[in-house]
């Protein structure tokens, strides 16, 4: 009998160690976000890091646990997304926000983190250097969250110091926006611009955010507003701010547009 006691405790501590290292699903009601801003390209963008920091701050005020990443590579983004997928498992709301460059290759969409050659945006280069939107949406889908939201303030125009617009890759604007794709089941994908169009990085010398992020921050001030209404307000505001040049869109992948991002801790909280 005495010989069995040490064996029992050895098994107990071994099992306890394995449990401690296992992935722990998010607690019921948990709201968690991965926020990414990429700006330090060879031709730097003005606002994505500002946008990411502003979104991270706002989401924290709304009760989200926030993981903020700025100026990361494709490999770092893929790792962050995979780890987030585990951390957000079973959450009430799992949200990913990306600000930076993006482009389409054929009918597929990609975000283009640091390291992508923005002067050689062939379809093959985009697919090789980018991270597909479908993979980010897939990681969100695997969380099983009641609300899985992917917000893409991407396909940014570049601005020189003199204020001139530079189209990434030197091609025409329509070839570098996102393709019109349907969100997978259980995921909402919000795009900052319409199919094939670029999103403005800058709109006013009085703002440190893109027009899309500015409008989103404003819309998130309203407590109790359903997500569908939030994105409708964002689209209307961005269209007005850009004189109908930029028209955001959203795709609800068989999920509820009635989910609420601001449960009551809006501006001033």
Protein backbone atom coordinates (compact mmCIF):
# COMPACT_ATOMS: atom_id res chain seq x y z
CA UNK A 1 0.00 0.00 0.00
CA UNK A 2 2.83 2.41 0.93
CA UNK A 3 4.42 1.79 -2.48
CA UNK A 4 1.19 2.91 -4.20
CA UNK A 5 1.10 6.34 -2.50
CA UNK A 6 4.16 7.80 -4.31
CA UNK A 7 2.81 6.41 -7.59
CA UNK A 8 -0.56 8.06 -6.96
CA UNK A 9 1.01 11.48 -6.31
CA UNK A 10 3.28 11.14 -9.34
CA UNK A 11 0.27 10.54 -11.57
CA UNK A 12 -1.61 13.41 -9.92
CA UNK A 13 1.15 15.94 -10.59
CA UNK A 14 1.71 14.62 -14.12
CA UNK A 15 -1.98 15.06 -14.99
CA UNK A 16 -2.06 18.47 -13.33
CA UNK A 17 0.93 19.59 -15.39
CA UNK A 18 -0.76 18.49 -18.63
CA UNK A 19 -3.98 20.27 -17.74
CA UNK A 20 -2.09 23.48 -16.97
CA UNK A 21 -0.57 23.50 -20.45
CA UNK A 22 -3.78 22.65 -22.30
CA UNK A 23 -5.64 25.32 -24.22
CA UNK A 24 -8.31 26.80 -21.97
CA UNK A 25 -11.47 28.00 -23.75
CA UNK A 26 -12.55 31.56 -23.14
CA UNK A 27 -14.92 32.13 -20.23
CA UNK A 28 -18.62 32.57 -21.08
CA UNK A 29 -19.32 36.17 -22.03
CA UNK A 30 -15.68 36.88 -22.82
CA UNK A 31 -14.97 39.47 -25.51
CA UNK A 32 -11.52 39.36 -27.05
CA UNK A 33 -9.84 41.16 -29.95
CA UNK A 34 -6.66 40.92 -32.02
CA UNK A 35 -5.79 44.37 -33.38
CA UNK A 36 -3.11 44.82 -36.05
CA UNK A 37 -1.69 47.96 -37.64
CA UNK A 38 1.00 47.86 -40.35
CA UNK A 39 2.50 51.16 -41.50
CA UNK A 40 6.32 50.80 -41.80
CA UNK A 41 6.41 49.78 -45.46
CA UNK A 42 9.22 51.09 -47.75
CA UNK A 43 6.70 53.81 -48.68
CA UNK A 44 5.26 54.26 -45.16
CA UNK A 45 1.56 54.63 -44.58
CA UNK A 46 0.43 57.45 -42.32
CA UNK A 47 -2.28 56.03 -40.11
CA UNK A 48 -2.56 52.22 -39.68
CA UNK A 49 -0.61 52.13 -36.40
CA UNK A 50 -2.62 55.12 -35.13
CA UNK A 51 -5.78 53.30 -36.20
CA UNK A 52 -4.77 50.09 -34.43
CA UNK A 53 -3.92 51.90 -31.21
CA UNK A 54 -7.15 53.88 -31.27
CA UNK A 55 -9.19 50.72 -31.89
CA UNK A 56 -7.35 48.84 -29.15
CA UNK A 57 -8.09 51.62 -26.67
CA UNK A 58 -11.76 51.82 -27.68
CA UNK A 59 -12.27 48.06 -27.50
CA UNK A 60 -10.67 47.88 -24.06
CA UNK A 61 -13.14 50.53 -22.90
CA UNK A 62 -15.91 48.33 -24.29
CA UNK A 63 -14.83 45.38 -22.16
CA UNK A 64 -12.64 43.53 -24.66
CA UNK A 65 -9.40 41.84 -23.80
CA UNK A 66 -7.11 43.20 -26.54
CA UNK A 67 -3.95 41.83 -28.13
CA UNK A 68 -2.26 44.67 -30.06
CA UNK A 69 0.35 44.01 -32.76
CA UNK A 70 1.99 46.67 -34.94
CA UNK A 71 4.34 46.50 -37.93
CA UNK A 72 4.49 42.71 -38.19
CA UNK A 73 5.45 40.31 -40.96
CA UNK A 74 3.30 37.66 -42.63
CA UNK A 75 4.78 34.92 -40.44
CA UNK A 76 4.12 36.95 -37.30
CA UNK A 77 0.56 37.66 -38.40
CA UNK A 78 -0.15 34.00 -39.11
CA UNK A 79 1.21 33.03 -35.70
CA UNK A 80 -0.79 35.75 -33.93
CA UNK A 81 -3.99 34.71 -35.72
CA UNK A 82 -3.52 31.02 -34.87
CA UNK A 83 -2.79 31.78 -31.21
CA UNK A 84 -5.77 34.14 -31.06
CA UNK A 85 -8.00 31.40 -32.48
CA UNK A 86 -7.12 29.25 -29.46
CA UNK A 87 -7.39 32.04 -26.90
CA UNK A 88 -10.79 33.13 -28.21
CA UNK A 89 -12.33 29.66 -28.29
CA UNK A 90 -15.86 29.78 -26.94
CA UNK A 91 -15.85 33.58 -26.52
CA UNK A 92 -18.99 35.63 -26.79
CA UNK A 93 -17.33 37.91 -29.36
CA UNK A 94 -13.99 37.35 -31.11
CA UNK A 95 -12.89 40.32 -33.22
CA UNK A 96 -9.89 40.86 -35.52
CA UNK A 97 -9.08 44.35 -36.81
CA UNK A 98 -6.42 44.84 -39.51
CA UNK A 99 -5.18 48.18 -40.86
CA UNK A 100 -2.57 48.28 -43.62
CA UNK A 101 -2.04 47.11 -47.16
CA UNK A 102 -4.08 44.44 -48.90
CA UNK A 103 -4.77 43.24 -52.44
CA UNK A 104 -6.54 40.56 -54.44
CA UNK A 105 -5.01 37.75 -56.47
CA UNK A 106 -7.61 36.29 -58.82
CA UNK A 107 -10.75 35.93 -56.71
CA UNK A 108 -8.86 35.63 -53.41
CA UNK A 109 -8.08 38.46 -51.01
CA UNK A 110 -4.85 38.95 -49.06
CA UNK A 111 -3.56 41.33 -46.45
CA UNK A 112 0.03 42.38 -47.13
CA UNK A 113 2.08 42.70 -43.93
CA UNK A 114 5.61 44.07 -43.73
CA UNK A 115 8.08 42.41 -46.07
CA UNK A 116 5.76 42.36 -49.07
CA UNK A 117 7.20 44.01 -52.17
CA UNK A 118 4.67 46.72 -52.88
CA UNK A 119 6.34 47.49 -56.23
CA UNK A 120 5.73 44.01 -57.67
CA UNK A 121 2.11 43.18 -57.00
CA UNK A 122 1.52 40.39 -59.48
CA UNK A 123 -1.08 37.79 -58.50
CA UNK A 124 1.70 35.28 -57.76
CA UNK A 125 3.59 37.78 -55.59
CA UNK A 126 0.46 38.70 -53.65
CA UNK A 127 -0.34 35.05 -52.94
CA UNK A 128 3.27 34.28 -51.97
CA UNK A 129 3.84 37.31 -49.74
CA UNK A 130 0.41 37.93 -48.24
CA UNK A 131 -1.84 36.27 -45.69
CA UNK A 132 -5.18 35.25 -47.13
CA UNK A 133 -8.34 36.78 -45.74
CA UNK A 134 -9.90 33.31 -45.93
CA UNK A 135 -7.26 31.98 -43.50
CA UNK A 136 -7.93 34.83 -41.04
CA UNK A 137 -11.66 34.20 -41.34
CA UNK A 138 -11.05 30.46 -40.88
CA UNK A 139 -9.14 31.07 -37.65
CA UNK A 140 -12.06 33.19 -36.43
CA UNK A 141 -14.57 30.55 -37.47
CA UNK A 142 -12.69 27.93 -35.46
CA UNK A 143 -13.12 29.93 -32.26
CA UNK A 144 -16.79 28.98 -32.23
CA UNK A 145 -17.50 32.46 -30.85
CA UNK A 146 -21.11 33.60 -30.85
CA UNK A 147 -19.95 36.62 -32.79
CA UNK A 148 -16.82 36.38 -34.99
CA UNK A 149 -15.90 39.68 -36.64
CA UNK A 150 -13.10 40.49 -39.11
CA UNK A 151 -12.66 44.21 -39.87
CA UNK A 152 -10.34 45.07 -42.76
CA UNK A 153 -9.31 48.69 -43.12
CA UNK A 154 -6.98 47.61 -45.89
CA UNK A 155 -5.96 48.25 -49.50
CA UNK A 156 -4.64 51.64 -48.43
CA UNK A 157 -3.65 54.38 -50.79
CA UNK A 158 -0.16 55.77 -50.18
CA UNK A 159 0.49 59.48 -49.71
CA UNK A 160 3.72 61.33 -50.33
CA UNK A 161 4.77 64.12 -47.99
CA UNK A 162 3.46 66.61 -50.51
CA UNK A 163 0.02 65.04 -50.31
CA UNK A 164 0.03 63.30 -53.70
CA UNK A 165 -1.62 59.89 -53.96
CA UNK A 166 0.55 56.94 -54.99
CA UNK A 167 -1.24 53.77 -56.13
CA UNK A 168 0.53 50.69 -54.64
CA UNK A 169 2.45 48.78 -57.29
CA UNK A 170 2.06 51.51 -59.88
CA UNK A 171 -1.05 49.96 -61.47
CA UNK A 172 -4.57 51.34 -61.55
CA UNK A 173 -6.60 51.53 -58.36
CA UNK A 174 -9.24 49.01 -59.41
CA UNK A 175 -6.73 46.17 -59.73
CA UNK A 176 -5.52 46.36 -56.13
CA UNK A 177 -8.67 46.46 -54.03
CA UNK A 178 -10.36 43.40 -52.58
CA UNK A 179 -12.51 41.04 -54.60
CA UNK A 180 -16.18 40.75 -53.66
CA UNK A 181 -16.33 37.54 -51.60
CA UNK A 182 -18.87 36.08 -49.19
CA UNK A 183 -17.95 35.66 -45.53
CA UNK A 184 -17.91 32.05 -44.29
CA UNK A 185 -20.64 30.76 -42.01
CA UNK A 186 -20.57 32.35 -38.57
CA UNK A 187 -18.20 35.20 -39.50
CA UNK A 188 -18.81 38.87 -40.29
CA UNK A 189 -16.28 40.49 -42.63
CA UNK A 190 -16.34 44.28 -42.84
CA UNK A 191 -14.40 45.92 -45.69
CA UNK A 192 -13.34 49.57 -45.67
CA UNK A 193 -13.96 49.95 -49.42
CA UNK A 194 -16.05 48.42 -52.19
CA UNK A 195 -14.87 45.68 -54.58
CA UNK A 196 -11.71 46.62 -56.46
CA UNK A 197 -11.39 50.01 -54.74
CA UNK A 198 -8.65 51.45 -52.55
CA UNK A 199 -9.28 52.81 -49.06
CA UNK A 200 -8.04 56.23 -48.09
CA UNK A 201 -5.27 56.34 -45.52
CA UNK A 202 -5.65 60.08 -44.99
CA UNK A 203 -8.63 62.41 -45.22
CA UNK A 204 -8.04 65.40 -42.95
CA UNK A 205 -5.01 67.13 -41.40
CA UNK A 206 -7.06 67.29 -38.20
CA UNK A 207 -7.35 63.48 -37.93
CA UNK A 208 -4.73 60.86 -37.08
CA UNK A 209 -6.99 58.07 -38.36
CA UNK A 210 -8.23 56.84 -41.72
CA UNK A 211 -11.77 57.82 -42.68
CA UNK A 212 -12.99 54.27 -42.10
CA UNK A 213 -11.46 53.91 -38.64
CA UNK A 214 -12.62 57.42 -37.72
CA UNK A 215 -16.19 56.51 -38.67
CA UNK A 216 -15.97 53.16 -36.86
CA UNK A 217 -14.72 54.78 -33.66
CA UNK A 218 -17.62 57.24 -33.82
CA UNK A 219 -20.20 54.49 -34.45
CA UNK A 220 -18.88 52.44 -31.52
CA UNK A 221 -19.72 55.32 -29.18
CA UNK A 222 -23.41 54.41 -29.36
CA UNK A 223 -24.30 51.88 -26.63
CA UNK A 224 -26.67 49.08 -27.54
CA UNK A 225 -26.37 49.60 -31.30
CA UNK A 226 -26.63 46.29 -33.21
CA UNK A 227 -23.61 45.42 -35.33
CA UNK A 228 -25.56 45.69 -38.57
CA UNK A 229 -26.49 49.27 -37.67
CA UNK A 230 -22.90 50.06 -36.66
CA UNK A 231 -21.58 49.12 -40.09
CA UNK A 232 -24.45 50.89 -41.85
CA UNK A 233 -23.54 54.08 -40.00
CA UNK A 234 -19.87 53.59 -40.84
CA UNK A 235 -20.64 53.19 -44.54
CA UNK A 236 -22.75 56.35 -44.60
CA UNK A 237 -20.13 58.38 -42.75
CA UNK A 238 -17.23 57.22 -44.90
CA UNK A 239 -19.16 57.95 -48.09
CA UNK A 240 -19.86 61.46 -46.81
CA UNK A 241 -16.26 62.02 -45.67
CA UNK A 242 -14.85 60.94 -49.03
CA UNK A 243 -17.57 62.49 -51.23
CA UNK A 244 -18.82 59.05 -52.27
CA UNK A 245 -15.37 57.94 -53.47
CA UNK A 246 -14.99 55.27 -50.77
CA UNK A 247 -17.97 53.05 -50.01
CA UNK A 248 -17.48 50.40 -47.30
CA UNK A 249 -19.35 47.10 -47.35
CA UNK A 250 -19.98 44.20 -45.01
CA UNK A 251 -20.70 40.51 -45.47
CA UNK A 252 -22.64 38.59 -42.81
CA UNK A 253 -21.81 34.90 -43.12
CA UNK A 254 -25.04 33.47 -41.75
CA UNK A 255 -24.50 35.17 -38.42
CA UNK A 256 -26.51 37.70 -36.48
CA UNK A 257 -26.39 41.36 -37.42
CA UNK A 258 -28.12 42.02 -34.06
CA UNK A 259 -25.01 41.33 -31.97
CA UNK A 260 -23.90 44.34 -29.94
CA UNK A 261 -20.27 45.48 -29.66
CA UNK A 262 -20.92 48.34 -27.22
CA UNK A 263 -22.92 46.93 -24.33
CA UNK A 264 -23.13 50.26 -22.57
CA UNK A 265 -19.58 51.48 -21.87
CA UNK A 266 -19.35 54.09 -24.58
CA UNK A 267 -17.63 57.47 -24.77
CA UNK A 268 -16.40 58.87 -21.54
CA UNK A 269 -16.22 55.54 -19.71
